[in-house]
C-alpha atoms as a PDB file:
ATOM      1  CA  UNK A   1      16.521  13.399   2.020  1.00  0.00           C
ATOM      2  CA  UNK A   2      17.375  16.801   3.443  1.00  0.00           C
ATOM      3  CA  UNK A   3      20.983  15.794   4.151  1.00  0.00           C
ATOM      4  CA  UNK A   4      21.437  14.317   0.684  1.00  0.00           C
ATOM      5  CA  UNK A   5      19.941  17.423  -0.878  1.00  0.00           C
ATOM      6  CA  UNK A   6      22.269  19.746   1.084  1.00  0.00           C
ATOM      7  CA  UNK A   7      25.283  17.639   0.060  1.00  0.00           C
ATOM      8  CA  UNK A   8      24.032  17.405  -3.528  1.00  0.00           C
ATOM      9  CA  UNK A   9      24.196  13.608  -3.218  1.00  0.00           C
ATOM     10  CA  UNK A  10      21.878  10.964  -4.616  1.00  0.00           C
ATOM     11  CA  UNK A  11      19.739   9.157  -2.071  1.00  0.00           C
ATOM     12  CA  UNK A  12      17.710   6.013  -1.769  1.00  0.00           C
ATOM     13  CA  UNK A  13      14.714   6.079   0.528  1.00  0.00           C
ATOM     14  CA  UNK A  14      12.905   2.858   1.376  1.00  0.00           C
ATOM     15  CA  UNK A  15       9.803   3.050   3.549  1.00  0.00           C
ATOM     16  CA  UNK A  16       8.281  -0.375   4.190  1.00  0.00           C
ATOM     17  CA  UNK A  17       4.760   0.263   5.426  1.00  0.00           C
ATOM     18  CA  UNK A  18       2.801  -2.622   6.867  1.00  0.00           C
ATOM     19  CA  UNK A  19      -0.503  -0.807   6.616  1.00  0.00           C
ATOM     20  CA  UNK A  20      -2.015  -3.190   4.088  1.00  0.00           C
ATOM     21  CA  UNK A  21      -1.408  -6.295   6.166  1.00  0.00           C
ATOM     22  CA  UNK A  22      -3.188  -6.094   9.496  1.00  0.00           C
ATOM     23  CA  UNK A  23      -3.461  -2.587  10.969  1.00  0.00           C
ATOM     24  CA  UNK A  24      -1.743  -2.929  14.310  1.00  0.00           C
ATOM     25  CA  UNK A  25      -1.731   0.769  15.134  1.00  0.00           C
ATOM     26  CA  UNK A  26      -2.256   4.169  13.605  1.00  0.00           C
ATOM     27  CA  UNK A  27      -1.716   7.710  14.749  1.00  0.00           C
ATOM     28  CA  UNK A  28      -5.320   8.812  15.027  1.00  0.00           C
ATOM     29  CA  UNK A  29      -8.787   7.532  14.307  1.00  0.00           C
ATOM     30  CA  UNK A  30     -10.620   9.293  11.513  1.00  0.00           C
ATOM     31  CA  UNK A  31     -13.393   7.033  10.275  1.00  0.00           C
ATOM     32  CA  UNK A  32     -13.877   4.371  12.937  1.00  0.00           C
ATOM     33  CA  UNK A  33     -12.705   1.697  10.490  1.00  0.00           C
ATOM     34  CA  UNK A  34      -9.206   0.541  11.505  1.00  0.00           C
ATOM     35  CA  UNK A  35      -8.233  -0.676   8.046  1.00  0.00           C
ATOM     36  CA  UNK A  36      -9.433   2.493   6.308  1.00  0.00           C
ATOM     37  CA  UNK A  37      -7.763   4.714   8.926  1.00  0.00           C
ATOM     38  CA  UNK A  38      -4.401   3.040   8.311  1.00  0.00           C
ATOM     39  CA  UNK A  39      -4.767   3.440   4.536  1.00  0.00           C
ATOM     40  CA  UNK A  40      -5.526   7.148   5.057  1.00  0.00           C
ATOM     41  CA  UNK A  41      -2.429   7.433   7.235  1.00  0.00           C
ATOM     42  CA  UNK A  42      -0.294   5.640   4.636  1.00  0.00           C
ATOM     43  CA  UNK A  43      -1.573   8.056   1.993  1.00  0.00           C
ATOM     44  CA  UNK A  44      -0.582  10.995   4.214  1.00  0.00           C
ATOM     45  CA  UNK A  45       2.968   9.610   4.621  1.00  0.00           C
ATOM     46  CA  UNK A  46       3.369   9.134   0.877  1.00  0.00           C
ATOM     47  CA  UNK A  47       2.038  12.658   0.378  1.00  0.00           C
ATOM     48  CA  UNK A  48       4.668  14.078   2.724  1.00  0.00           C
ATOM     49  CA  UNK A  49       7.460  12.399   0.760  1.00  0.00           C
ATOM     50  CA  UNK A  50       6.155  13.457  -2.655  1.00  0.00           C
ATOM     51  CA  UNK A  51       5.501  17.010  -1.410  1.00  0.00           C
ATOM     52  CA  UNK A  52       9.094  17.240  -0.150  1.00  0.00           C
ATOM     53  CA  UNK A  53      10.335  16.151  -3.573  1.00  0.00           C
ATOM     54  CA  UNK A  54       8.164  18.781  -5.310  1.00  0.00           C
ATOM     55  CA  UNK A  55       8.927  21.594  -2.855  1.00  0.00           C
ATOM     56  CA  UNK A  56      12.653  21.028  -3.287  1.00  0.00           C
ATOM     57  CA  UNK A  57      12.424  20.758  -7.073  1.00  0.00           C
ATOM     58  CA  UNK A  58      13.774  17.216  -7.153  1.00  0.00           C
ATOM     59  CA  UNK A  59      11.172  15.796  -9.568  1.00  0.00           C
ATOM     60  CA  UNK A  60      13.495  15.864 -12.593  1.00  0.00           C
ATOM     61  CA  UNK A  61      16.105  13.798 -10.799  1.00  0.00           C
ATOM     62  CA  UNK A  62      13.948  11.436  -8.737  1.00  0.00           C
ATOM     63  CA  UNK A  63      12.128   8.202  -9.439  1.00  0.00           C
ATOM     64  CA  UNK A  64       9.319   7.377  -7.040  1.00  0.00           C
ATOM     65  CA  UNK A  65       8.051   3.794  -6.939  1.00  0.00           C
ATOM     66  CA  UNK A  66       4.948   2.966  -4.955  1.00  0.00           C
ATOM     67  CA  UNK A  67       3.989  -0.653  -4.658  1.00  0.00           C
ATOM     68  CA  UNK A  68       2.044  -2.673  -2.176  1.00  0.00           C
ATOM     69  CA  UNK A  69       1.351  -6.168  -1.043  1.00  0.00           C
ATOM     70  CA  UNK A  70      -1.237  -8.347  -2.719  1.00  0.00           C
ATOM     71  CA  UNK A  71      -4.870  -8.705  -1.656  1.00  0.00           C
ATOM     72  CA  UNK A  72      -6.460  -8.943   1.784  1.00  0.00           C
ATOM     73  CA  UNK A  73      -5.429 -11.497   4.363  1.00  0.00           C
ATOM     74  CA  UNK A  74      -8.918 -12.892   4.792  1.00  0.00           C
ATOM     75  CA  UNK A  75      -7.978 -15.786   7.081  1.00  0.00           C
ATOM     76  CA  UNK A  76      -6.262 -13.488   9.612  1.00  0.00           C
ATOM     77  CA  UNK A  77      -9.016 -11.331  11.056  1.00  0.00           C
ATOM     78  CA  UNK A  78     -11.644  -8.722  10.263  1.00  0.00           C
ATOM     79  CA  UNK A  79      -8.965  -5.987  10.427  1.00  0.00           C
ATOM     80  CA  UNK A  80      -7.077  -7.366   7.426  1.00  0.00           C
ATOM     81  CA  UNK A  81      -9.161  -5.738   4.717  1.00  0.00           C
ATOM     82  CA  UNK A  82     -11.749  -7.144   2.377  1.00  0.00           C
ATOM     83  CA  UNK A  83     -11.777  -8.411  -1.171  1.00  0.00           C
ATOM     84  CA  UNK A  84     -15.200  -6.882  -1.684  1.00  0.00           C
ATOM     85  CA  UNK A  85     -16.789  -6.707  -4.202  1.00  0.00           C
ATOM     86  CA  UNK A  86     -14.698  -9.672  -5.376  1.00  0.00           C
ATOM     87  CA  UNK A  87     -16.061 -12.152  -2.852  1.00  0.00           C
ATOM     88  CA  UNK A  88     -14.885 -15.275  -4.630  1.00  0.00           C
ATOM     89  CA  UNK A  89     -18.376 -16.712  -5.090  1.00  0.00           C
ATOM     90  CA  UNK A  90     -17.419 -18.351  -8.376  1.00  0.00           C
ATOM     91  CA  UNK A  91     -14.297 -19.822  -6.820  1.00  0.00           C
ATOM     92  CA  UNK A  92     -16.309 -21.232  -3.904  1.00  0.00           C
ATOM     93  CA  UNK A  93     -19.181 -22.674  -5.957  1.00  0.00           C
ATOM     94  CA  UNK A  94     -17.670 -23.711  -9.292  1.00  0.00           C
ATOM     95  CA  UNK A  95     -14.715 -25.710  -8.143  1.00  0.00           C
ATOM     96  CA  UNK A  96     -12.073 -22.996  -8.084  1.00  0.00           C
ATOM     97  CA  UNK A  97     -11.853 -23.155  -4.326  1.00  0.00           C
ATOM     98  CA  UNK A  98     -11.065 -20.516  -1.767  1.00  0.00           C
ATOM     99  CA  UNK A  99     -11.454 -16.783  -1.947  1.00  0.00           C
ATOM    100  CA  UNK A 100      -9.888 -13.940  -3.886  1.00  0.00           C
ATOM    101  CA  UNK A 101      -7.530 -12.945  -1.090  1.00  0.00           C
ATOM    102  CA  UNK A 102      -3.926 -13.606  -0.167  1.00  0.00           C
ATOM    103  CA  UNK A 103      -2.427 -17.075  -0.733  1.00  0.00           C
ATOM    104  CA  UNK A 104      -4.641 -17.864  -3.727  1.00  0.00           C
ATOM    105  CA  UNK A 105      -4.002 -17.958  -7.445  1.00  0.00           C
ATOM    106  CA  UNK A 106      -6.910 -15.599  -8.021  1.00  0.00           C
ATOM    107  CA  UNK A 107      -6.645 -11.864  -8.703  1.00  0.00           C
ATOM    108  CA  UNK A 108      -6.087 -10.601  -5.145  1.00  0.00           C
ATOM    109  CA  UNK A 109      -3.778 -13.475  -4.352  1.00  0.00           C
ATOM    110  CA  UNK A 110      -0.852 -12.538  -6.562  1.00  0.00           C
ATOM    111  CA  UNK A 111      -1.220  -9.198  -8.329  1.00  0.00           C
ATOM    112  CA  UNK A 112       0.096  -6.030  -6.716  1.00  0.00           C
ATOM    113  CA  UNK A 113      -0.332  -2.318  -7.442  1.00  0.00           C
ATOM    114  CA  UNK A 114       2.750  -0.663  -8.930  1.00  0.00           C
ATOM    115  CA  UNK A 115       2.872   3.084  -9.605  1.00  0.00           C
ATOM    116  CA  UNK A 116       5.970   4.869 -10.922  1.00  0.00           C
ATOM    117  CA  UNK A 117       6.691   8.582 -11.235  1.00  0.00           C
ATOM    118  CA  UNK A 118       9.559   8.960 -13.692  1.00  0.00           C
ATOM    119  CA  UNK A 119      11.112  12.208 -14.897  1.00  0.00           C
END
């Protein structure tokens, strides 16, 4: 971003974070909960990018898109997040089957967050 700004050139920055899958590593422990610590770290990274944009007065010429993967990967392991409080009790007991996590047709299985900052 700094090079593009110095050259007065447009730039495209893509940062694929795997934090919402299974937290494999993170810089430092803050809460003792691996999943939560990686989400905090992801938030810090996004904050650094958006702060750079603001500090360099690029907001009027920059579109920021933040999106993520769909719900938790419940079948993987206890480090893959939780669908709580959406535990899928209705799905399990009323014939819907499964949970509310990844690889289902329920809420956490296919919807994703999508946030846009547009000038």
